[in-house]
C-alpha atoms as a PDB file:
ATOM      1  CA  MET A   1      -7.824   4.491 -15.515  1.00  0.00           C
ATOM      2  CA  LYS A   2      -9.673   7.754 -14.898  1.00  0.00           C
ATOM      3  CA  LEU A   3      -8.719  11.083 -13.333  1.00  0.00           C
ATOM      4  CA  ALA A   4     -11.239  13.390 -11.649  1.00  0.00           C
ATOM      5  CA  VAL A   5     -10.098  16.953 -10.964  1.00  0.00           C
ATOM      6  CA  LEU A   6     -11.259  18.005  -7.497  1.00  0.00           C
ATOM      7  CA  GLY A   7      -9.231  21.213  -7.339  1.00  0.00           C
ATOM      8  CA  ASN A   8      -6.938  23.036  -9.753  1.00  0.00           C
ATOM      9  CA  ASN A   9      -5.866  26.286  -8.066  1.00  0.00           C
ATOM     10  CA  GLY A  10      -2.744  27.248  -6.174  1.00  0.00           C
ATOM     11  CA  PRO A  11      -1.610  28.707  -3.837  1.00  0.00           C
ATOM     12  CA  PHE A  12      -5.176  29.733  -2.942  1.00  0.00           C
ATOM     13  CA  PRO A  13      -8.582  29.017  -4.482  1.00  0.00           C
ATOM     14  CA  GLY A  14     -10.470  31.396  -6.712  1.00  0.00           C
ATOM     15  CA  PRO A  15     -14.166  32.135  -6.042  1.00  0.00           C
ATOM     16  CA  GLY A  16     -15.961  28.794  -5.831  1.00  0.00           C
ATOM     17  CA  GLY A  17     -12.686  26.998  -6.546  1.00  0.00           C
ATOM     18  CA  ALA A  18     -10.449  24.513  -4.776  1.00  0.00           C
ATOM     19  CA  CYS A  19      -6.742  23.814  -4.549  1.00  0.00           C
ATOM     20  CA  SER A  20      -4.804  20.728  -5.574  1.00  0.00           C
ATOM     21  CA  GLY A  21      -6.696  17.433  -5.446  1.00  0.00           C
ATOM     22  CA  TYR A  22      -7.162  14.590  -7.941  1.00  0.00           C
ATOM     23  CA  LEU A  23      -9.013  11.289  -7.695  1.00  0.00           C
ATOM     24  CA  LEU A  24      -7.377   8.479  -9.648  1.00  0.00           C
ATOM     25  CA  THR A  25      -9.496   5.373 -10.219  1.00  0.00           C
ATOM     26  CA  GLU A  26      -8.732   2.016 -11.810  1.00  0.00           C
ATOM     27  CA  GLY A  27     -11.617  -0.419 -11.551  1.00  0.00           C
ATOM     28  CA  ASP A  28     -12.559  -0.494  -7.874  1.00  0.00           C
ATOM     29  CA  THR A  29      -9.257   1.107  -6.800  1.00  0.00           C
ATOM     30  CA  LYS A  30      -9.459   4.733  -5.654  1.00  0.00           C
ATOM     31  CA  VAL A  31      -6.413   6.850  -4.822  1.00  0.00           C
ATOM     32  CA  LEU A  32      -6.584  10.527  -3.867  1.00  0.00           C
ATOM     33  CA  ILE A  33      -3.569  12.582  -4.913  1.00  0.00           C
ATOM     34  CA  ASP A  34      -3.285  15.741  -2.780  1.00  0.00           C
ATOM     35  CA  CYS A  35      -5.973  17.135  -0.510  1.00  0.00           C
ATOM     36  CA  GLY A  36      -5.892  20.923  -0.588  1.00  0.00           C
ATOM     37  CA  ASN A  37      -8.592  23.276   0.596  1.00  0.00           C
ATOM     38  CA  GLY A  38     -11.984  22.500  -0.967  1.00  0.00           C
ATOM     39  CA  VAL A  39     -10.984  19.007  -2.061  1.00  0.00           C
ATOM     40  CA  LEU A  40     -12.792  17.042   0.661  1.00  0.00           C
ATOM     41  CA  SER A  41     -16.130  18.551  -0.339  1.00  0.00           C
ATOM     42  CA  ASN A  42     -15.589  17.837  -4.034  1.00  0.00           C
ATOM     43  CA  LEU A  43     -14.280  14.315  -3.371  1.00  0.00           C
ATOM     44  CA  GLN A  44     -17.640  13.339  -1.919  1.00  0.00           C
ATOM     45  CA  LYS A  45     -19.340  14.184  -5.215  1.00  0.00           C
ATOM     46  CA  PHE A  46     -17.529  11.105  -6.566  1.00  0.00           C
ATOM     47  CA  VAL A  47     -16.882   8.702  -3.653  1.00  0.00           C
ATOM     48  CA  LYS A  48     -17.113   8.449   0.112  1.00  0.00           C
ATOM     49  CA  PHE A  49     -13.750   9.188   1.688  1.00  0.00           C
ATOM     50  CA  GLU A  50     -13.812   5.860   3.557  1.00  0.00           C
ATOM     51  CA  GLU A  51     -13.775   4.120   0.150  1.00  0.00           C
ATOM     52  CA  LEU A  52     -10.279   5.436  -0.637  1.00  0.00           C
ATOM     53  CA  ASP A  53      -7.515   2.848  -0.902  1.00  0.00           C
ATOM     54  CA  ALA A  54      -4.909   5.509  -0.178  1.00  0.00           C
ATOM     55  CA  ILE A  55      -4.070   9.199  -0.138  1.00  0.00           C
ATOM     56  CA  VAL A  56      -0.811  10.329  -1.739  1.00  0.00           C
ATOM     57  CA  LEU A  57       0.479  13.804  -0.896  1.00  0.00           C
ATOM     58  CA  THR A  58       3.047  15.199  -3.310  1.00  0.00           C
ATOM     59  CA  HIS A  59       4.259  17.656  -0.677  1.00  0.00           C
ATOM     60  CA  LEU A  60       3.154  19.304   2.535  1.00  0.00           C
ATOM     61  CA  HIS A  61       2.328  22.869   1.516  1.00  0.00           C
ATOM     62  CA  SER A  62      -1.099  23.984   2.745  1.00  0.00           C
ATOM     63  CA  ASP A  63      -2.715  24.254  -0.680  1.00  0.00           C
ATOM     64  CA  HIS A  64      -2.021  20.523  -1.118  1.00  0.00           C
ATOM     65  CA  VAL A  65      -2.844  19.208   2.361  1.00  0.00           C
ATOM     66  CA  SER A  66      -5.077  21.606   4.321  1.00  0.00           C
ATOM     67  CA  ASP A  67      -8.233  19.483   4.020  1.00  0.00           C
ATOM     68  CA  MET A  68      -6.364  16.577   5.626  1.00  0.00           C
ATOM     69  CA  MET A  69      -7.007  18.208   9.010  1.00  0.00           C
ATOM     70  CA  VAL A  70     -10.755  18.331   8.351  1.00  0.00           C
ATOM     71  CA  LEU A  71     -10.649  14.771   7.031  1.00  0.00           C
ATOM     72  CA  ARG A  72      -8.837  13.628  10.175  1.00  0.00           C
ATOM     73  CA  TYR A  73     -11.639  15.035  12.313  1.00  0.00           C
ATOM     74  CA  ALA A  74     -14.294  13.424  10.081  1.00  0.00           C
ATOM     75  CA  VAL A  75     -12.615  10.006  10.267  1.00  0.00           C
ATOM     76  CA  GLN A  76     -12.312  10.262  14.036  1.00  0.00           C
ATOM     77  CA  ILE A  77     -16.027  10.913  14.385  1.00  0.00           C
ATOM     78  CA  LYS A  78     -16.993   8.104  12.007  1.00  0.00           C
ATOM     79  CA  MET A  79     -14.716   5.738  13.904  1.00  0.00           C
ATOM     80  CA  ASN A  80     -16.399   6.690  17.171  1.00  0.00           C
ATOM     81  CA  ARG A  81     -19.728   5.922  15.506  1.00  0.00           C
ATOM     82  CA  LYS A  82     -18.387   2.546  14.275  1.00  0.00           C
ATOM     83  CA  GLN A  83     -18.870   3.649  10.649  1.00  0.00           C
ATOM     84  CA  ILE A  84     -15.176   3.304   9.798  1.00  0.00           C
ATOM     85  CA  GLN A  85     -13.209   0.286  10.994  1.00  0.00           C
ATOM     86  CA  LYS A  86      -9.652   1.003   9.860  1.00  0.00           C
ATOM     87  CA  PRO A  87      -7.338   3.983   9.297  1.00  0.00           C
ATOM     88  CA  ILE A  88      -6.825   5.561   5.881  1.00  0.00           C
ATOM     89  CA  LYS A  89      -3.436   4.859   4.318  1.00  0.00           C
ATOM     90  CA  VAL A  90      -1.499   8.067   3.689  1.00  0.00           C
ATOM     91  CA  TYR A  91       1.832   8.460   1.888  1.00  0.00           C
ATOM     92  CA  ALA A  92       3.740  11.738   2.090  1.00  0.00           C
ATOM     93  CA  PRO A  93       7.249  13.210   2.196  1.00  0.00           C
ATOM     94  CA  ALA A  94       8.630  13.177   5.732  1.00  0.00           C
ATOM     95  CA  GLU A  95       9.695  16.829   5.420  1.00  0.00           C
ATOM     96  CA  PRO A  96       8.930  19.360   6.772  1.00  0.00           C
ATOM     97  CA  ALA A  97       8.920  17.162   9.876  1.00  0.00           C
ATOM     98  CA  GLU A  98       6.471  19.336  11.812  1.00  0.00           C
ATOM     99  CA  GLU A  99       3.872  19.029   9.044  1.00  0.00           C
ATOM    100  CA  TYR A 100       4.385  15.280   8.692  1.00  0.00           C
ATOM    101  CA  ASN A 101       4.085  14.859  12.456  1.00  0.00           C
ATOM    102  CA  ARG A 102       0.814  16.795  12.467  1.00  0.00           C
ATOM    103  CA  LEU A 103      -0.665  14.196  10.116  1.00  0.00           C
ATOM    104  CA  ALA A 104       0.642  11.393  12.309  1.00  0.00           C
ATOM    105  CA  ALA A 105      -0.471  12.997  15.571  1.00  0.00           C
ATOM    106  CA  THR A 106      -3.723  11.049  15.951  1.00  0.00           C
ATOM    107  CA  PRO A 107      -2.914   7.331  15.982  1.00  0.00           C
ATOM    108  CA  GLY A 108      -5.377   5.045  14.260  1.00  0.00           C
ATOM    109  CA  VAL A 109      -6.895   7.701  11.973  1.00  0.00           C
ATOM    110  CA  PHE A 110      -4.199   7.912   9.318  1.00  0.00           C
ATOM    111  CA  ASP A 111      -1.803   5.036   8.678  1.00  0.00           C
ATOM    112  CA  ILE A 112       0.978   7.283   7.400  1.00  0.00           C
ATOM    113  CA  SER A 113       4.205   6.239   5.683  1.00  0.00           C
ATOM    114  CA  PRO A 114       7.036   8.381   4.274  1.00  0.00           C
ATOM    115  CA  VAL A 115       7.662   8.638   0.543  1.00  0.00           C
ATOM    116  CA  THR A 116      11.105   8.603  -1.082  1.00  0.00           C
ATOM    117  CA  GLU A 117      12.277   8.128  -4.658  1.00  0.00           C
ATOM    118  CA  SER A 118      12.587   4.399  -3.998  1.00  0.00           C
ATOM    119  CA  THR A 119       8.981   4.055  -2.804  1.00  0.00           C
ATOM    120  CA  ALA A 120       6.898   1.674  -4.921  1.00  0.00           C
ATOM    121  CA  LEU A 121       3.212   1.212  -4.123  1.00  0.00           C
ATOM    122  CA  GLU A 122       0.619  -1.128  -5.547  1.00  0.00           C
ATOM    123  CA  PHE A 123      -3.152  -0.877  -5.207  1.00  0.00           C
ATOM    124  CA  GLY A 124      -5.112  -3.307  -7.355  1.00  0.00           C
ATOM    125  CA  LYS A 125      -3.763  -2.857 -10.883  1.00  0.00           C
ATOM    126  CA  LEU A 126      -2.245   0.523 -10.068  1.00  0.00           C
ATOM    127  CA  LYS A 127       1.497   0.738  -9.562  1.00  0.00           C
ATOM    128  CA  LEU A 128       2.788   4.036  -8.205  1.00  0.00           C
ATOM    129  CA  ALA A 129       6.339   5.365  -8.454  1.00  0.00           C
ATOM    130  CA  PHE A 130       7.916   8.655  -7.379  1.00  0.00           C
ATOM    131  CA  ALA A 131      10.589  11.127  -8.465  1.00  0.00           C
ATOM    132  CA  GLU A 132      11.875  14.116  -6.522  1.00  0.00           C
ATOM    133  CA  MET A 133      11.104  17.524  -7.968  1.00  0.00           C
ATOM    134  CA  LYS A 134      12.494  21.024  -7.340  1.00  0.00           C
ATOM    135  CA  HIS A 135      10.445  23.004  -4.811  1.00  0.00           C
ATOM    136  CA  PRO A 136      11.052  24.898  -1.540  1.00  0.00           C
ATOM    137  CA  VAL A 137       9.984  21.789   0.406  1.00  0.00           C
ATOM    138  CA  LYS A 138      10.480  18.114  -0.401  1.00  0.00           C
ATOM    139  CA  CYS A 139       8.128  17.302  -3.280  1.00  0.00           C
ATOM    140  CA  TYR A 140       7.597  14.244  -5.467  1.00  0.00           C
ATOM    141  CA  ALA A 141       6.070  13.680  -8.872  1.00  0.00           C
ATOM    142  CA  VAL A 142       3.827  10.602  -9.060  1.00  0.00           C
ATOM    143  CA  SER A 143       3.569   8.006 -11.824  1.00  0.00           C
ATOM    144  CA  ALA A 144       0.581   5.648 -11.995  1.00  0.00           C
ATOM    145  CA  TYR A 145       0.684   2.618 -14.309  1.00  0.00           C
ATOM    146  CA  ASN A 146      -2.095   0.071 -14.758  1.00  0.00           C
ATOM    147  CA  GLY A 147      -0.227  -2.304 -17.062  1.00  0.00           C
ATOM    148  CA  GLU A 148      -1.386  -0.506 -20.208  1.00  0.00           C
ATOM    149  CA  ARG A 149      -1.539   3.238 -19.609  1.00  0.00           C
ATOM    150  CA  ARG A 150       0.682   5.581 -17.619  1.00  0.00           C
ATOM    151  CA  PHE A 151      -0.218   8.857 -15.937  1.00  0.00           C
ATOM    152  CA  VAL A 152       2.316  11.279 -14.446  1.00  0.00           C
ATOM    153  CA  PHE A 153       1.621  14.255 -12.165  1.00  0.00           C
ATOM    154  CA  SER A 154       4.447  16.648 -11.366  1.00  0.00           C
ATOM    155  CA  GLY A 155       3.182  17.988  -8.062  1.00  0.00           C
ATOM    156  CA  ASP A 156       4.697  21.466  -7.662  1.00  0.00           C
ATOM    157  CA  THR A 157       8.052  22.064  -9.274  1.00  0.00           C
ATOM    158  CA  SER A 158      10.231  24.582 -11.010  1.00  0.00           C
ATOM    159  CA  TRP A 159      12.122  23.592 -14.146  1.00  0.00           C
ATOM    160  CA  ASN A 160      14.251  20.484 -13.737  1.00  0.00           C
ATOM    161  CA  GLU A 161      15.313  17.632 -16.000  1.00  0.00           C
ATOM    162  CA  ASN A 162      13.801  15.015 -13.670  1.00  0.00           C
ATOM    163  CA  ILE A 163      10.273  15.755 -14.847  1.00  0.00           C
ATOM    164  CA  ILE A 164      11.240  15.044 -18.462  1.00  0.00           C
ATOM    165  CA  ALA A 165      12.929  11.742 -17.653  1.00  0.00           C
ATOM    166  CA  PHE A 166      10.169  10.686 -15.266  1.00  0.00           C
ATOM    167  CA  SER A 167       7.423  11.508 -17.791  1.00  0.00           C
ATOM    168  CA  ARG A 168       9.114   9.682 -20.658  1.00  0.00           C
ATOM    169  CA  GLY A 169       6.460   8.120 -22.884  1.00  0.00           C
ATOM    170  CA  ALA A 170       3.538   8.832 -20.534  1.00  0.00           C
ATOM    171  CA  ASP A 171       0.071   8.658 -22.027  1.00  0.00           C
ATOM    172  CA  VAL A 172      -1.005  11.685 -19.986  1.00  0.00           C
ATOM    173  CA  VAL A 173       1.196  14.094 -18.061  1.00  0.00           C
ATOM    174  CA  MET A 174      -0.319  16.723 -15.764  1.00  0.00           C
ATOM    175  CA  LEU A 175       2.003  19.582 -14.895  1.00  0.00           C
ATOM    176  CA  ASP A 176       2.171  22.528 -12.519  1.00  0.00           C
ATOM    177  CA  ALA A 177       1.420  25.564 -14.708  1.00  0.00           C
ATOM    178  CA  GLY A 178       1.715  28.047 -11.879  1.00  0.00           C
ATOM    179  CA  LEU A 179       3.197  30.840 -13.973  1.00  0.00           C
ATOM    180  CA  LEU A 180       3.007  32.664 -17.255  1.00  0.00           C
ATOM    181  CA  SER A 181       6.435  33.333 -18.721  1.00  0.00           C
ATOM    182  CA  LYS A 182       6.054  37.084 -18.178  1.00  0.00           C
ATOM    183  CA  ASP A 183       5.865  36.463 -14.432  1.00  0.00           C
ATOM    184  CA  LYS A 184       8.974  34.300 -14.135  1.00  0.00           C
ATOM    185  CA  THR A 185      11.364  36.577 -12.291  1.00  0.00           C
ATOM    186  CA  GLY A 186      14.371  34.261 -12.012  1.00  0.00           C
ATOM    187  CA  GLU A 187      15.562  30.676 -11.914  1.00  0.00           C
ATOM    188  CA  ASN A 188      14.448  30.084  -8.328  1.00  0.00           C
ATOM    189  CA  VAL A 189      10.701  30.468  -8.846  1.00  0.00           C
ATOM    190  CA  PRO A 190       8.846  27.481  -7.351  1.00  0.00           C
ATOM    191  CA  HIS A 191       6.635  26.617 -10.333  1.00  0.00           C
ATOM    192  CA  LEU A 192       6.783  25.831 -14.034  1.00  0.00           C
ATOM    193  CA  THR A 193       5.620  28.321 -16.612  1.00  0.00           C
ATOM    194  CA  ALA A 194       2.978  27.155 -19.050  1.00  0.00           C
ATOM    195  CA  ALA A 195       5.625  27.361 -21.784  1.00  0.00           C
ATOM    196  CA  GLU A 196       7.942  25.093 -19.765  1.00  0.00           C
ATOM    197  CA  CYS A 197       5.083  22.631 -19.306  1.00  0.00           C
ATOM    198  CA  GLY A 198       4.768  22.421 -23.073  1.00  0.00           C
ATOM    199  CA  ILE A 199       8.513  21.899 -23.470  1.00  0.00           C
ATOM    200  CA  ALA A 200       8.569  19.163 -20.808  1.00  0.00           C
ATOM    201  CA  ALA A 201       5.660  17.333 -22.457  1.00  0.00           C
ATOM    202  CA  ARG A 202       7.283  17.574 -25.882  1.00  0.00           C
ATOM    203  CA  GLU A 203      10.718  16.464 -24.723  1.00  0.00           C
ATOM    204  CA  SER A 204       9.328  13.539 -22.722  1.00  0.00           C
ATOM    205  CA  GLY A 205       7.336  12.190 -25.651  1.00  0.00           C
ATOM    206  CA  ALA A 206       4.085  12.329 -23.675  1.00  0.00           C
ATOM    207  CA  LYS A 207       0.908  11.920 -25.668  1.00  0.00           C
ATOM    208  CA  LYS A 208      -1.240  14.482 -23.850  1.00  0.00           C
ATOM    209  CA  LEU A 209      -0.585  17.385 -21.458  1.00  0.00           C
ATOM    210  CA  ILE A 210      -3.006  18.621 -18.817  1.00  0.00           C
ATOM    211  CA  LEU A 211      -2.202  21.960 -17.209  1.00  0.00           C
ATOM    212  CA  THR A 212      -3.154  22.537 -13.565  1.00  0.00           C
ATOM    213  CA  HIS A 213      -2.313  24.513 -10.375  1.00  0.00           C
ATOM    214  CA  PHE A 214      -3.591  27.794 -11.772  1.00  0.00           C
ATOM    215  CA  TRP A 215      -2.968  31.167 -10.190  1.00  0.00           C
ATOM    216  CA  PRO A 216      -6.624  32.185  -9.587  1.00  0.00           C
ATOM    217  CA  GLU A 217      -6.278  35.614 -11.203  1.00  0.00           C
ATOM    218  CA  TYR A 218      -4.932  34.387 -14.540  1.00  0.00           C
ATOM    219  CA  ASP A 219      -6.911  34.172 -17.757  1.00  0.00           C
ATOM    220  CA  LEU A 220      -6.583  30.430 -18.343  1.00  0.00           C
ATOM    221  CA  ASN A 221      -6.661  30.922 -22.095  1.00  0.00           C
ATOM    222  CA  ASP A 222      -3.308  32.677 -21.776  1.00  0.00           C
ATOM    223  CA  LEU A 223      -1.820  29.624 -20.062  1.00  0.00           C
ATOM    224  CA  LEU A 224      -3.265  27.280 -22.667  1.00  0.00           C
ATOM    225  CA  SER A 225      -2.030  29.389 -25.557  1.00  0.00           C
ATOM    226  CA  GLU A 226       1.478  29.624 -24.094  1.00  0.00           C
ATOM    227  CA  ALA A 227       1.767  25.863 -23.538  1.00  0.00           C
ATOM    228  CA  LYS A 228       0.418  25.036 -27.000  1.00  0.00           C
ATOM    229  CA  GLN A 229       3.271  26.963 -28.596  1.00  0.00           C
ATOM    230  CA  ASN A 230       5.467  24.040 -27.535  1.00  0.00           C
ATOM    231  CA  PHE A 231       3.002  21.135 -27.321  1.00  0.00           C
ATOM    232  CA  HIS A 232      -0.247  21.220 -29.257  1.00  0.00           C
ATOM    233  CA  ASN A 233      -2.134  18.404 -27.501  1.00  0.00           C
ATOM    234  CA  THR A 234      -2.640  20.433 -24.335  1.00  0.00           C
ATOM    235  CA  ILE A 235      -5.807  20.936 -22.304  1.00  0.00           C
ATOM    236  CA  LEU A 236      -6.731  22.660 -19.046  1.00  0.00           C
ATOM    237  CA  ALA A 237      -7.663  20.688 -15.921  1.00  0.00           C
ATOM    238  CA  GLU A 238     -11.329  21.571 -15.379  1.00  0.00           C
ATOM    239  CA  ILE A 239     -12.679  21.277 -11.861  1.00  0.00           C
ATOM    240  CA  LEU A 240     -15.123  18.371 -11.347  1.00  0.00           C
ATOM    241  CA  LYS A 241     -14.353  16.981 -14.806  1.00  0.00           C
ATOM    242  CA  THR A 242     -13.206  13.363 -15.293  1.00  0.00           C
ATOM    243  CA  TYR A 243     -10.593  12.389 -17.887  1.00  0.00           C
ATOM    244  CA  ASP A 244      -9.785   9.015 -19.377  1.00  0.00           C
ATOM    245  CA  ILE A 245      -6.061   8.286 -19.144  1.00  0.00           C
END
């Protein structure tokens, strides 16, 4: 199982950057997790979008889904040219309803299904499971298991015990490091601090932590240093880099 980072910023991209998007591959199986701005361009450096087995959207904020509208247009055109024969499978929270309905508005382009905590998906050897996180809109963490290794991505979330339980024993956990501790202004912030990411990885017994969803104006070394105070085996998600899970 491999993970390619297509975008690692949020809520907007830095110069030359891209927002949330990750290509998970297992053998011939290819699943895109999130499709924020800049992701569609970077995806095509690895695979053609028509080769995807599925797209999983953790939630429907723009920095995680905005390139879906461009992708929808691209698929439509390729279908008209007989270059694509079937819709792309998409799985996403059904809330906010207006955003979900936008994705479903063009029949035959996306085959979209709602995600809940009970959703279980299987693509080749990959088995996907979901757990609800704490965010201003409905958001789910994603677990991918290939029978030997397990990868967990938090999506966007503030501190909650679910991410620890859901990540229990993961080989690699990738967490939303949207904040430095100095910028956490209260308990209702929508993202984890880098320090909290380290705590969550440590308490879950994960083997490796990848930080992502970086505020574009941060010095990433500050995030890495803060997380490592609680969990040493921490790295930064580097755009266009591929990681073995």
